[in-house]
Amino acid sequence: MGMTSKWMRVVLVATVLTALLAGCTRDRSTPEPDATPADAVEPVVEPAITRDSAPTTEPTPAATPVPTETPEPKTIPYTVQPDDTVSTVAEKFGLTSQELRELNLLATDDLQVGQVLRVPNTPGVTAEGLPTPTPEPFTYAVQTGDTLYSIALQFDVSPNEIVAANTLSDPNNVFVGQELLIPGYQPAGSNSASPASGSSASSAAPAIHVVQQGEVLSVIAENYGITVNELVAANGIADPNLVTPGTELIIPGLTAAELEAANQIVHIVQQGESLGSIATQYGVTTDALIEANGITNPNVIRVGDRLIIPQ
């Protein structure tokens, strides 16, 4: 009991000493700072100027240049070609020779190949000259005895081309006076609506066969190397089984000149022959032989002469 009380007193004394030491330590701590004076002014901080805050100015757009129209030249150059003359160049560009001379100050009409001339710059003109005008379409008025096939032969075009150009509903029915467009045909130096007379039209005239007694279409077609249908179409025959002697038939694909040449027999006069003997040899008359060859003196023929034997 006595020992326990002693330890208790020691603990109590230690506790009191610890408390006293703590109080002394608090008194020695750093004093609290004085309050901020009332008249103290906080410093003003200027805002920082950044790139984003700089005033922006809209750029002034550049003025769009207005294109200046280049005037069309009044003349264009033309280079003289071989065989050119003042008159041919003037004609090529629709000028008179005098106008070309004045435009180029030509003292003479002598032109040199490669020489450059000035010519008017008119609408449509090129370095080769004025444009060639488009020719008017050629029309043909149907004549008595014409068929679509004979017209096609006459102008060297196909019947189908004529049908297409004229939108014919019935190719076998063309009437006298009907005007047909002939595609691709232009008579030389003429714009008339009738076939050109002379060489081109007459040389292309179709071959004609005159029906003889007892002939039928099949035999006639075979003789000329064509079909019955071609013969019927070319002549507009309604009944192929009915043809009468004396009827003139157009032979398609053959011209009159070709038929005449095919039917000609040429005889070369031999020693001792006369017109009479030659005529007898071929079964023709002497007069027919004279007429076919244009003989003026029947009593004078020479060895080696070529005589046409009429058929």
C-alpha atoms as a PDB file:
ATOM      1  CA  MET A   1       0.000   0.000   0.000  1.00  0.00           C
ATOM      2  CA  GLY A   2       2.685   2.374   0.876  1.00  0.00           C
ATOM      3  CA  MET A   3       4.570   1.595  -2.374  1.00  0.00           C
ATOM      4  CA  THR A   4       1.578   2.241  -4.558  1.00  0.00           C
ATOM      5  CA  SER A   5       0.911   5.668  -3.050  1.00  0.00           C
ATOM      6  CA  LYS A   6       4.480   6.624  -3.663  1.00  0.00           C
ATOM      7  CA  TRP A   7       4.222   5.809  -7.420  1.00  0.00           C
ATOM      8  CA  MET A   8       1.013   7.712  -7.700  1.00  0.00           C
ATOM      9  CA  ARG A   9       2.561  10.808  -6.269  1.00  0.00           C
ATOM     10  CA  VAL A  10       5.455  10.547  -8.710  1.00  0.00           C
ATOM     11  CA  VAL A  11       3.041  10.305 -11.665  1.00  0.00           C
ATOM     12  CA  LEU A  12       1.058  13.293 -10.416  1.00  0.00           C
ATOM     13  CA  VAL A  13       4.172  15.417 -10.047  1.00  0.00           C
ATOM     14  CA  ALA A  14       5.279  14.447 -13.558  1.00  0.00           C
ATOM     15  CA  THR A  15       1.933  15.440 -14.981  1.00  0.00           C
ATOM     16  CA  VAL A  16       2.047  18.868 -13.299  1.00  0.00           C
ATOM     17  CA  LEU A  17       5.565  19.516 -14.585  1.00  0.00           C
ATOM     18  CA  THR A  18       4.568  18.605 -18.137  1.00  0.00           C
ATOM     19  CA  ALA A  19       1.655  21.066 -18.028  1.00  0.00           C
ATOM     20  CA  LEU A  20       3.889  23.869 -16.771  1.00  0.00           C
ATOM     21  CA  LEU A  21       6.454  23.251 -19.492  1.00  0.00           C
ATOM     22  CA  ALA A  22       3.734  23.389 -22.179  1.00  0.00           C
ATOM     23  CA  GLY A  23       2.518  26.776 -20.961  1.00  0.00           C
ATOM     24  CA  CYS A  24       5.979  28.245 -21.068  1.00  0.00           C
ATOM     25  CA  THR A  25       6.547  27.037 -24.630  1.00  0.00           C
ATOM     26  CA  ARG A  26       3.280  28.699 -25.867  1.00  0.00           C
ATOM     27  CA  ASP A  27       4.308  32.076 -24.532  1.00  0.00           C
ATOM     28  CA  ARG A  28       7.573  32.004 -26.515  1.00  0.00           C
ATOM     29  CA  SER A  29       5.814  31.422 -29.992  1.00  0.00           C
ATOM     30  CA  THR A  30       5.891  34.040 -32.761  1.00  0.00           C
ATOM     31  CA  PRO A  31       3.393  36.885 -32.166  1.00  0.00           C
ATOM     32  CA  GLU A  32       0.500  37.205 -34.646  1.00  0.00           C
ATOM     33  CA  PRO A  33       1.082  39.835 -37.395  1.00  0.00           C
ATOM     34  CA  ASP A  34      -0.529  43.248 -37.185  1.00  0.00           C
ATOM     35  CA  ALA A  35      -3.682  43.870 -39.210  1.00  0.00           C
ATOM     36  CA  THR A  36      -3.361  45.478 -42.641  1.00  0.00           C
ATOM     37  CA  PRO A  37      -3.530  49.288 -42.440  1.00  0.00           C
ATOM     38  CA  ALA A  38      -6.841  50.753 -43.562  1.00  0.00           C
ATOM     39  CA  ASP A  39      -5.183  53.086 -46.058  1.00  0.00           C
ATOM     40  CA  ALA A  40      -3.259  50.302 -47.822  1.00  0.00           C
ATOM     41  CA  VAL A  41      -4.124  50.212 -51.620  1.00  0.00           C
ATOM     42  CA  GLU A  42      -3.805  47.039 -53.573  1.00  0.00           C
ATOM     43  CA  PRO A  43      -1.683  47.484 -56.739  1.00  0.00           C
ATOM     44  CA  VAL A  44      -3.553  47.788 -60.074  1.00  0.00           C
ATOM     45  CA  VAL A  45      -2.481  45.158 -62.541  1.00  0.00           C
ATOM     46  CA  GLU A  46      -2.753  46.226 -66.234  1.00  0.00           C
ATOM     47  CA  PRO A  47      -4.259  43.483 -68.437  1.00  0.00           C
ATOM     48  CA  ALA A  48      -1.738  41.841 -70.706  1.00  0.00           C
ATOM     49  CA  ILE A  49      -2.120  42.596 -74.429  1.00  0.00           C
ATOM     50  CA  THR A  50      -2.219  39.430 -76.448  1.00  0.00           C
ATOM     51  CA  ARG A  51      -2.272  38.774 -80.250  1.00  0.00           C
ATOM     52  CA  ASP A  52      -5.962  37.871 -80.019  1.00  0.00           C
ATOM     53  CA  SER A  53      -6.915  41.155 -78.476  1.00  0.00           C
ATOM     54  CA  ALA A  54      -5.346  43.205 -81.288  1.00  0.00           C
ATOM     55  CA  PRO A  55      -7.937  45.017 -83.438  1.00  0.00           C
ATOM     56  CA  THR A  56      -8.578  43.259 -86.763  1.00  0.00           C
ATOM     57  CA  THR A  57      -8.911  45.166 -90.038  1.00  0.00           C
ATOM     58  CA  GLU A  58     -10.727  43.654 -93.086  1.00  0.00           C
ATOM     59  CA  PRO A  59      -8.342  43.539 -96.116  1.00  0.00           C
ATOM     60  CA  THR A  60      -9.409  45.666 -99.072  1.00  0.00           C
ATOM     61  CA  PRO A  61     -10.182  43.395-102.047  1.00  0.00           C
ATOM     62  CA  ALA A  62      -8.108  44.004-105.135  1.00  0.00           C
ATOM     63  CA  ALA A  63     -10.005  45.519-108.056  1.00  0.00           C
ATOM     64  CA  THR A  64     -10.887  42.979-110.770  1.00  0.00           C
ATOM     65  CA  PRO A  65      -9.270  44.002-114.044  1.00  0.00           C
ATOM     66  CA  VAL A  66     -11.768  44.621-116.837  1.00  0.00           C
ATOM     67  CA  PRO A  67     -10.689  42.719-119.987  1.00  0.00           C
ATOM     68  CA  THR A  68     -10.136  44.912-122.956  1.00  0.00           C
ATOM     69  CA  GLU A  69     -11.822  43.596-126.099  1.00  0.00           C
ATOM     70  CA  THR A  70      -9.418  43.151-128.972  1.00  0.00           C
ATOM     71  CA  PRO A  71     -10.994  44.520-132.141  1.00  0.00           C
ATOM     72  CA  GLU A  72     -11.285  42.118-135.058  1.00  0.00           C
ATOM     73  CA  PRO A  73      -8.634  42.761-137.697  1.00  0.00           C
ATOM     74  CA  LYS A  74      -9.953  44.303-140.878  1.00  0.00           C
ATOM     75  CA  THR A  75      -7.738  42.095-143.027  1.00  0.00           C
ATOM     76  CA  ILE A  76      -6.132  38.681-142.833  1.00  0.00           C
ATOM     77  CA  PRO A  77      -2.993  37.399-144.563  1.00  0.00           C
ATOM     78  CA  TYR A  78      -3.097  35.157-147.609  1.00  0.00           C
ATOM     79  CA  THR A  79       0.017  33.373-148.886  1.00  0.00           C
ATOM     80  CA  VAL A  80       0.311  33.194-152.661  1.00  0.00           C
ATOM     81  CA  GLN A  81       0.199  29.621-153.979  1.00  0.00           C
ATOM     82  CA  PRO A  82       1.540  28.179-157.237  1.00  0.00           C
ATOM     83  CA  ASP A  83      -0.585  29.203-160.261  1.00  0.00           C
ATOM     84  CA  ASP A  84      -2.176  32.084-158.307  1.00  0.00           C
ATOM     85  CA  THR A  85      -2.829  35.273-160.227  1.00  0.00           C
ATOM     86  CA  VAL A  86      -4.287  38.594-159.162  1.00  0.00           C
ATOM     87  CA  SER A  87      -7.606  37.703-160.762  1.00  0.00           C
ATOM     88  CA  THR A  88      -7.846  34.206-159.221  1.00  0.00           C
ATOM     89  CA  VAL A  89      -6.947  35.460-155.728  1.00  0.00           C
ATOM     90  CA  ALA A  90      -9.428  38.323-156.060  1.00  0.00           C
ATOM     91  CA  GLU A  91     -12.161  35.925-157.154  1.00  0.00           C
ATOM     92  CA  LYS A  92     -11.339  33.571-154.272  1.00  0.00           C
ATOM     93  CA  PHE A  93     -12.065  36.339-151.750  1.00  0.00           C
ATOM     94  CA  GLY A  94     -14.954  38.043-153.560  1.00  0.00           C
ATOM     95  CA  LEU A  95     -12.920  41.041-154.720  1.00  0.00           C
ATOM     96  CA  THR A  96     -12.229  42.677-158.023  1.00  0.00           C
ATOM     97  CA  SER A  97      -8.665  42.626-159.297  1.00  0.00           C
ATOM     98  CA  GLN A  98      -8.452  46.386-158.824  1.00  0.00           C
ATOM     99  CA  GLU A  99      -9.594  46.162-155.204  1.00  0.00           C
ATOM    100  CA  LEU A 100      -6.892  43.573-154.499  1.00  0.00           C
ATOM    101  CA  ARG A 101      -4.259  45.778-156.166  1.00  0.00           C
ATOM    102  CA  GLU A 102      -5.277  48.844-154.141  1.00  0.00           C
ATOM    103  CA  LEU A 103      -5.465  46.904-150.875  1.00  0.00           C
ATOM    104  CA  ASN A 104      -1.909  45.599-151.323  1.00  0.00           C
ATOM    105  CA  LEU A 105      -0.416  48.567-153.211  1.00  0.00           C
ATOM    106  CA  LEU A 106       0.533  46.281-156.077  1.00  0.00           C
ATOM    107  CA  ALA A 107       2.442  48.086-158.791  1.00  0.00           C
ATOM    108  CA  THR A 108       2.282  45.062-161.107  1.00  0.00           C
ATOM    109  CA  ASP A 109       0.291  41.867-161.363  1.00  0.00           C
ATOM    110  CA  ASP A 110       3.374  39.694-160.938  1.00  0.00           C
ATOM    111  CA  LEU A 111       2.904  37.529-157.850  1.00  0.00           C
ATOM    112  CA  GLN A 112       5.579  35.381-156.235  1.00  0.00           C
ATOM    113  CA  VAL A 113       4.890  32.036-154.549  1.00  0.00           C
ATOM    114  CA  GLY A 114       5.020  32.642-150.799  1.00  0.00           C
ATOM    115  CA  GLN A 115       4.199  36.338-151.130  1.00  0.00           C
ATOM    116  CA  VAL A 116       1.785  37.510-148.407  1.00  0.00           C
ATOM    117  CA  LEU A 117      -1.242  39.523-149.498  1.00  0.00           C
ATOM    118  CA  ARG A 118      -3.826  41.199-147.296  1.00  0.00           C
ATOM    119  CA  VAL A 119      -7.469  40.339-147.956  1.00  0.00           C
ATOM    120  CA  PRO A 120     -10.641  41.581-146.207  1.00  0.00           C
ATOM    121  CA  ASN A 121     -11.670  39.745-143.049  1.00  0.00           C
ATOM    122  CA  THR A 122     -15.310  39.214-143.995  1.00  0.00           C
ATOM    123  CA  PRO A 123     -17.649  36.813-142.110  1.00  0.00           C
ATOM    124  CA  GLY A 124     -16.909  33.184-142.939  1.00  0.00           C
ATOM    125  CA  VAL A 125     -13.656  33.930-144.742  1.00  0.00           C
ATOM    126  CA  THR A 126     -10.675  31.648-144.129  1.00  0.00           C
ATOM    127  CA  ALA A 127      -7.088  31.656-145.270  1.00  0.00           C
ATOM    128  CA  GLU A 128      -8.238  29.575-148.267  1.00  0.00           C
ATOM    129  CA  GLY A 129     -10.977  31.998-149.309  1.00  0.00           C
ATOM    130  CA  LEU A 130     -14.688  32.446-148.964  1.00  0.00           C
ATOM    131  CA  PRO A 131     -16.706  29.347-148.008  1.00  0.00           C
ATOM    132  CA  THR A 132     -18.240  27.369-150.850  1.00  0.00           C
ATOM    133  CA  PRO A 133     -22.003  27.893-150.841  1.00  0.00           C
ATOM    134  CA  THR A 134     -24.093  24.811-150.167  1.00  0.00           C
ATOM    135  CA  PRO A 135     -25.790  23.803-153.424  1.00  0.00           C
ATOM    136  CA  GLU A 136     -29.555  23.705-153.588  1.00  0.00           C
ATOM    137  CA  PRO A 137     -31.102  20.224-153.682  1.00  0.00           C
ATOM    138  CA  PHE A 138     -31.819  19.034-157.211  1.00  0.00           C
ATOM    139  CA  THR A 139     -35.352  18.087-158.183  1.00  0.00           C
ATOM    140  CA  TYR A 140     -36.579  16.184-161.218  1.00  0.00           C
ATOM    141  CA  ALA A 141     -40.066  16.322-162.683  1.00  0.00           C
ATOM    142  CA  VAL A 142     -41.319  12.850-163.579  1.00  0.00           C
ATOM    143  CA  GLN A 143     -41.851  12.420-167.334  1.00  0.00           C
ATOM    144  CA  THR A 144     -44.159  10.112-169.247  1.00  0.00           C
ATOM    145  CA  GLY A 145     -42.845   6.551-169.148  1.00  0.00           C
ATOM    146  CA  ASP A 146     -40.585   7.219-166.139  1.00  0.00           C
ATOM    147  CA  THR A 147     -40.327   4.742-163.310  1.00  0.00           C
ATOM    148  CA  LEU A 148     -38.473   5.110-160.068  1.00  0.00           C
ATOM    149  CA  TYR A 149     -35.859   2.655-161.295  1.00  0.00           C
ATOM    150  CA  SER A 150     -35.319   4.440-164.627  1.00  0.00           C
ATOM    151  CA  ILE A 151     -34.954   7.779-162.828  1.00  0.00           C
ATOM    152  CA  ALA A 152     -32.417   6.244-160.454  1.00  0.00           C
ATOM    153  CA  LEU A 153     -30.436   4.910-163.419  1.00  0.00           C
ATOM    154  CA  GLN A 154     -30.597   8.250-165.184  1.00  0.00           C
ATOM    155  CA  PHE A 155     -28.993  10.077-162.262  1.00  0.00           C
ATOM    156  CA  ASP A 156     -26.749   7.233-161.094  1.00  0.00           C
ATOM    157  CA  VAL A 157     -28.311   6.882-157.637  1.00  0.00           C
ATOM    158  CA  SER A 158     -30.075   3.967-156.001  1.00  0.00           C
ATOM    159  CA  PRO A 159     -33.892   3.786-155.943  1.00  0.00           C
ATOM    160  CA  ASN A 160     -33.746   3.423-152.159  1.00  0.00           C
ATOM    161  CA  GLU A 161     -31.982   6.781-151.877  1.00  0.00           C
ATOM    162  CA  ILE A 162     -34.746   8.464-153.894  1.00  0.00           C
ATOM    163  CA  VAL A 163     -37.403   6.747-151.771  1.00  0.00           C
ATOM    164  CA  ALA A 164     -35.725   7.918-148.542  1.00  0.00           C
ATOM    165  CA  ALA A 165     -35.149  11.478-149.791  1.00  0.00           C
ATOM    166  CA  ASN A 166     -38.795  11.854-150.815  1.00  0.00           C
ATOM    167  CA  THR A 167     -40.401   9.635-148.118  1.00  0.00           C
ATOM    168  CA  LEU A 168     -42.311   7.741-150.777  1.00  0.00           C
ATOM    169  CA  SER A 169     -44.918   5.381-149.367  1.00  0.00           C
ATOM    170  CA  ASP A 170     -45.280   3.462-152.659  1.00  0.00           C
ATOM    171  CA  PRO A 171     -42.074   3.307-154.734  1.00  0.00           C
ATOM    172  CA  ASN A 172     -43.982   1.743-157.633  1.00  0.00           C
ATOM    173  CA  ASN A 173     -46.388   4.662-157.908  1.00  0.00           C
ATOM    174  CA  VAL A 174     -44.859   7.852-159.309  1.00  0.00           C
ATOM    175  CA  PHE A 175     -46.930  10.157-161.509  1.00  0.00           C
ATOM    176  CA  VAL A 176     -46.147  12.505-164.385  1.00  0.00           C
ATOM    177  CA  GLY A 177     -45.214  15.968-163.100  1.00  0.00           C
ATOM    178  CA  GLN A 178     -44.270  14.752-159.632  1.00  0.00           C
ATOM    179  CA  GLU A 179     -41.121  16.496-158.413  1.00  0.00           C
ATOM    180  CA  LEU A 180     -38.580  14.173-156.835  1.00  0.00           C
ATOM    181  CA  LEU A 181     -35.487  15.191-154.898  1.00  0.00           C
ATOM    182  CA  ILE A 182     -32.420  13.509-156.404  1.00  0.00           C
ATOM    183  CA  PRO A 183     -29.975  13.075-153.490  1.00  0.00           C
ATOM    184  CA  GLY A 184     -26.328  13.864-154.156  1.00  0.00           C
ATOM    185  CA  TYR A 185     -26.878  15.007-157.748  1.00  0.00           C
ATOM    186  CA  GLN A 186     -25.928  18.449-159.026  1.00  0.00           C
ATOM    187  CA  PRO A 187     -25.821  19.273-162.738  1.00  0.00           C
ATOM    188  CA  ALA A 188     -22.675  21.129-163.732  1.00  0.00           C
ATOM    189  CA  GLY A 189     -23.285  24.871-163.812  1.00  0.00           C
ATOM    190  CA  SER A 190     -27.056  24.567-163.473  1.00  0.00           C
ATOM    191  CA  ASN A 191     -29.609  24.854-160.685  1.00  0.00           C
ATOM    192  CA  SER A 192     -32.643  24.072-162.835  1.00  0.00           C
ATOM    193  CA  ALA A 193     -35.144  21.468-161.798  1.00  0.00           C
ATOM    194  CA  SER A 194     -34.835  19.404-164.930  1.00  0.00           C
ATOM    195  CA  PRO A 195     -32.254  16.827-165.945  1.00  0.00           C
ATOM    196  CA  ALA A 196     -29.183  18.149-167.687  1.00  0.00           C
ATOM    197  CA  SER A 197     -29.390  17.738-171.409  1.00  0.00           C
ATOM    198  CA  GLY A 198     -26.443  16.377-173.293  1.00  0.00           C
ATOM    199  CA  SER A 199     -23.667  14.103-172.193  1.00  0.00           C
ATOM    200  CA  SER A 200     -24.375  13.202-168.555  1.00  0.00           C
ATOM    201  CA  ALA A 201     -28.120  12.569-168.786  1.00  0.00           C
ATOM    202  CA  SER A 202     -28.199  11.015-172.238  1.00  0.00           C
ATOM    203  CA  SER A 203     -25.230   8.748-171.587  1.00  0.00           C
ATOM    204  CA  ALA A 204     -26.989   7.437-168.495  1.00  0.00           C
ATOM    205  CA  ALA A 205     -30.277   6.784-170.344  1.00  0.00           C
ATOM    206  CA  PRO A 206     -31.534   3.285-169.541  1.00  0.00           C
ATOM    207  CA  ALA A 207     -31.402   0.482-172.061  1.00  0.00           C
ATOM    208  CA  ILE A 208     -34.730  -0.277-173.731  1.00  0.00           C
ATOM    209  CA  HIS A 209     -35.890  -3.671-174.969  1.00  0.00           C
ATOM    210  CA  VAL A 210     -38.837  -3.913-177.355  1.00  0.00           C
ATOM    211  CA  VAL A 211     -40.893  -7.035-176.660  1.00  0.00           C
ATOM    212  CA  GLN A 212     -41.043  -9.375-179.635  1.00  0.00           C
ATOM    213  CA  GLN A 213     -43.763 -11.828-180.565  1.00  0.00           C
ATOM    214  CA  GLY A 214     -43.720 -14.854-178.246  1.00  0.00           C
ATOM    215  CA  GLU A 215     -41.353 -13.321-175.656  1.00  0.00           C
ATOM    216  CA  VAL A 216     -42.126 -13.550-171.953  1.00  0.00           C
ATOM    217  CA  LEU A 217     -40.574 -11.679-169.021  1.00  0.00           C
ATOM    218  CA  SER A 218     -38.603 -14.645-167.755  1.00  0.00           C
ATOM    219  CA  VAL A 219     -36.847 -15.101-171.096  1.00  0.00           C
ATOM    220  CA  ILE A 220     -36.146 -11.367-171.464  1.00  0.00           C
ATOM    221  CA  ALA A 221     -34.761 -11.195-167.917  1.00  0.00           C
ATOM    222  CA  GLU A 222     -32.537 -14.211-168.524  1.00  0.00           C
ATOM    223  CA  ASN A 223     -31.166 -12.713-171.742  1.00  0.00           C
ATOM    224  CA  TYR A 224     -30.027  -9.609-169.861  1.00  0.00           C
ATOM    225  CA  GLY A 225     -28.780 -11.415-166.767  1.00  0.00           C
ATOM    226  CA  ILE A 226     -31.350  -9.929-164.378  1.00  0.00           C
ATOM    227  CA  THR A 227     -34.270 -11.306-162.365  1.00  0.00           C
ATOM    228  CA  VAL A 228     -37.934 -11.096-163.300  1.00  0.00           C
ATOM    229  CA  ASN A 229     -38.597  -9.091-160.108  1.00  0.00           C
ATOM    230  CA  GLU A 230     -36.021  -6.475-161.140  1.00  0.00           C
ATOM    231  CA  LEU A 231     -37.637  -6.205-164.566  1.00  0.00           C
ATOM    232  CA  VAL A 232     -41.109  -5.909-163.029  1.00  0.00           C
ATOM    233  CA  ALA A 233     -39.999  -3.237-160.508  1.00  0.00           C
ATOM    234  CA  ALA A 234     -38.138  -1.172-163.130  1.00  0.00           C
ATOM    235  CA  ASN A 235     -41.195  -1.036-165.401  1.00  0.00           C
ATOM    236  CA  GLY A 236     -44.002  -0.969-162.849  1.00  0.00           C
ATOM    237  CA  ILE A 237     -45.627  -4.031-164.379  1.00  0.00           C
ATOM    238  CA  ALA A 238     -48.904  -4.957-162.678  1.00  0.00           C
ATOM    239  CA  ASP A 239     -49.271  -8.420-164.247  1.00  0.00           C
ATOM    240  CA  PRO A 240     -45.942 -10.166-165.020  1.00  0.00           C
ATOM    241  CA  ASN A 241     -47.792 -12.763-167.066  1.00  0.00           C
ATOM    242  CA  LEU A 242     -49.209 -10.190-169.446  1.00  0.00           C
ATOM    243  CA  VAL A 243     -46.778  -8.438-171.798  1.00  0.00           C
ATOM    244  CA  THR A 244     -47.642  -7.560-175.371  1.00  0.00           C
ATOM    245  CA  PRO A 245     -45.389  -7.350-178.431  1.00  0.00           C
ATOM    246  CA  GLY A 246     -44.094  -3.827-179.038  1.00  0.00           C
ATOM    247  CA  THR A 247     -43.960  -2.947-175.316  1.00  0.00           C
ATOM    248  CA  GLU A 248     -40.791  -1.042-174.422  1.00  0.00           C
ATOM    249  CA  LEU A 249     -39.143  -2.410-171.290  1.00  0.00           C
ATOM    250  CA  ILE A 250     -36.416  -0.660-169.284  1.00  0.00           C
ATOM    251  CA  ILE A 251     -33.526  -3.006-168.584  1.00  0.00           C
ATOM    252  CA  PRO A 252     -32.285  -2.151-165.072  1.00  0.00           C
ATOM    253  CA  GLY A 253     -28.546  -1.915-164.535  1.00  0.00           C
ATOM    254  CA  LEU A 254     -27.807  -1.351-168.214  1.00  0.00           C
ATOM    255  CA  THR A 255     -27.535   1.937-170.119  1.00  0.00           C
ATOM    256  CA  ALA A 256     -28.450   2.503-173.743  1.00  0.00           C
ATOM    257  CA  ALA A 257     -24.788   3.093-174.605  1.00  0.00           C
ATOM    258  CA  GLU A 258     -23.756  -0.173-172.944  1.00  0.00           C
ATOM    259  CA  LEU A 259     -26.516  -2.067-174.747  1.00  0.00           C
ATOM    260  CA  GLU A 260     -25.513  -0.587-178.062  1.00  0.00           C
ATOM    261  CA  ALA A 261     -21.878  -1.494-177.517  1.00  0.00           C
ATOM    262  CA  ALA A 262     -22.835  -5.023-176.468  1.00  0.00           C
ATOM    263  CA  ASN A 263     -24.949  -5.512-179.562  1.00  0.00           C
ATOM    264  CA  GLN A 264     -22.350  -4.228-181.987  1.00  0.00           C
ATOM    265  CA  ILE A 265     -20.497  -6.644-184.232  1.00  0.00           C
ATOM    266  CA  VAL A 266     -17.420  -5.197-185.874  1.00  0.00           C
ATOM    267  CA  HIS A 267     -16.269  -6.625-189.210  1.00  0.00           C
ATOM    268  CA  ILE A 268     -12.812  -5.950-190.613  1.00  0.00           C
ATOM    269  CA  VAL A 269     -12.924  -5.675-194.407  1.00  0.00           C
ATOM    270  CA  GLN A 270     -10.915  -8.364-196.156  1.00  0.00           C
ATOM    271  CA  GLN A 271      -9.383  -8.464-199.651  1.00  0.00           C
ATOM    272  CA  GLY A 272     -12.081  -8.830-202.353  1.00  0.00           C
ATOM    273  CA  GLU A 273     -15.024  -8.015-200.082  1.00  0.00           C
ATOM    274  CA  SER A 274     -17.763  -5.519-200.928  1.00  0.00           C
ATOM    275  CA  LEU A 275     -20.569  -3.970-198.922  1.00  0.00           C
ATOM    276  CA  GLY A 276     -23.071  -6.273-200.598  1.00  0.00           C
ATOM    277  CA  SER A 277     -21.136  -9.426-199.722  1.00  0.00           C
ATOM    278  CA  ILE A 278     -20.588  -8.297-196.153  1.00  0.00           C
ATOM    279  CA  ALA A 279     -24.286  -7.437-195.763  1.00  0.00           C
ATOM    280  CA  THR A 280     -25.269 -10.867-197.124  1.00  0.00           C
ATOM    281  CA  GLN A 281     -22.788 -12.545-194.750  1.00  0.00           C
ATOM    282  CA  TYR A 282     -24.486 -11.043-191.712  1.00  0.00           C
ATOM    283  CA  GLY A 283     -28.068 -11.098-192.975  1.00  0.00           C
ATOM    284  CA  VAL A 284     -28.559  -7.353-193.082  1.00  0.00           C
ATOM    285  CA  THR A 285     -29.274  -4.964-195.934  1.00  0.00           C
ATOM    286  CA  THR A 286     -26.631  -2.900-197.670  1.00  0.00           C
ATOM    287  CA  ASP A 287     -28.534   0.287-196.769  1.00  0.00           C
ATOM    288  CA  ALA A 288     -28.498  -0.653-193.092  1.00  0.00           C
ATOM    289  CA  LEU A 289     -24.758  -1.244-193.313  1.00  0.00           C
ATOM    290  CA  ILE A 290     -24.242   2.111-195.027  1.00  0.00           C
ATOM    291  CA  GLU A 291     -26.359   3.954-192.434  1.00  0.00           C
ATOM    292  CA  ALA A 292     -24.711   2.295-189.426  1.00  0.00           C
ATOM    293  CA  ASN A 293     -21.247   3.316-190.641  1.00  0.00           C
ATOM    294  CA  GLY A 294     -22.003   6.703-192.192  1.00  0.00           C
ATOM    295  CA  ILE A 295     -20.615   5.633-195.556  1.00  0.00           C
ATOM    296  CA  THR A 296     -20.840   8.344-198.240  1.00  0.00           C
ATOM    297  CA  ASN A 297     -19.549   6.303-201.183  1.00  0.00           C
ATOM    298  CA  PRO A 298     -20.719   2.657-201.049  1.00  0.00           C
ATOM    299  CA  ASN A 299     -18.413   1.746-203.919  1.00  0.00           C
ATOM    300  CA  VAL A 300     -15.250   2.653-202.008  1.00  0.00           C
ATOM    301  CA  ILE A 301     -14.236   0.488-199.087  1.00  0.00           C
ATOM    302  CA  ARG A 302     -10.685  -0.382-198.172  1.00  0.00           C
ATOM    303  CA  VAL A 303      -9.108  -3.503-196.825  1.00  0.00           C
ATOM    304  CA  GLY A 304      -8.765  -3.155-193.043  1.00  0.00           C
ATOM    305  CA  ASP A 305     -11.777  -0.844-192.610  1.00  0.00           C
ATOM    306  CA  ARG A 306     -13.811  -1.594-189.486  1.00  0.00           C
ATOM    307  CA  LEU A 307     -17.523  -1.825-190.188  1.00  0.00           C
ATOM    308  CA  ILE A 308     -20.258  -1.939-187.532  1.00  0.00           C
ATOM    309  CA  ILE A 309     -22.830  -4.620-188.311  1.00  0.00           C
ATOM    310  CA  PRO A 310     -26.249  -3.300-187.251  1.00  0.00           C
ATOM    311  CA  GLN A 311     -28.501  -5.574-185.256  1.00  0.00           C
END
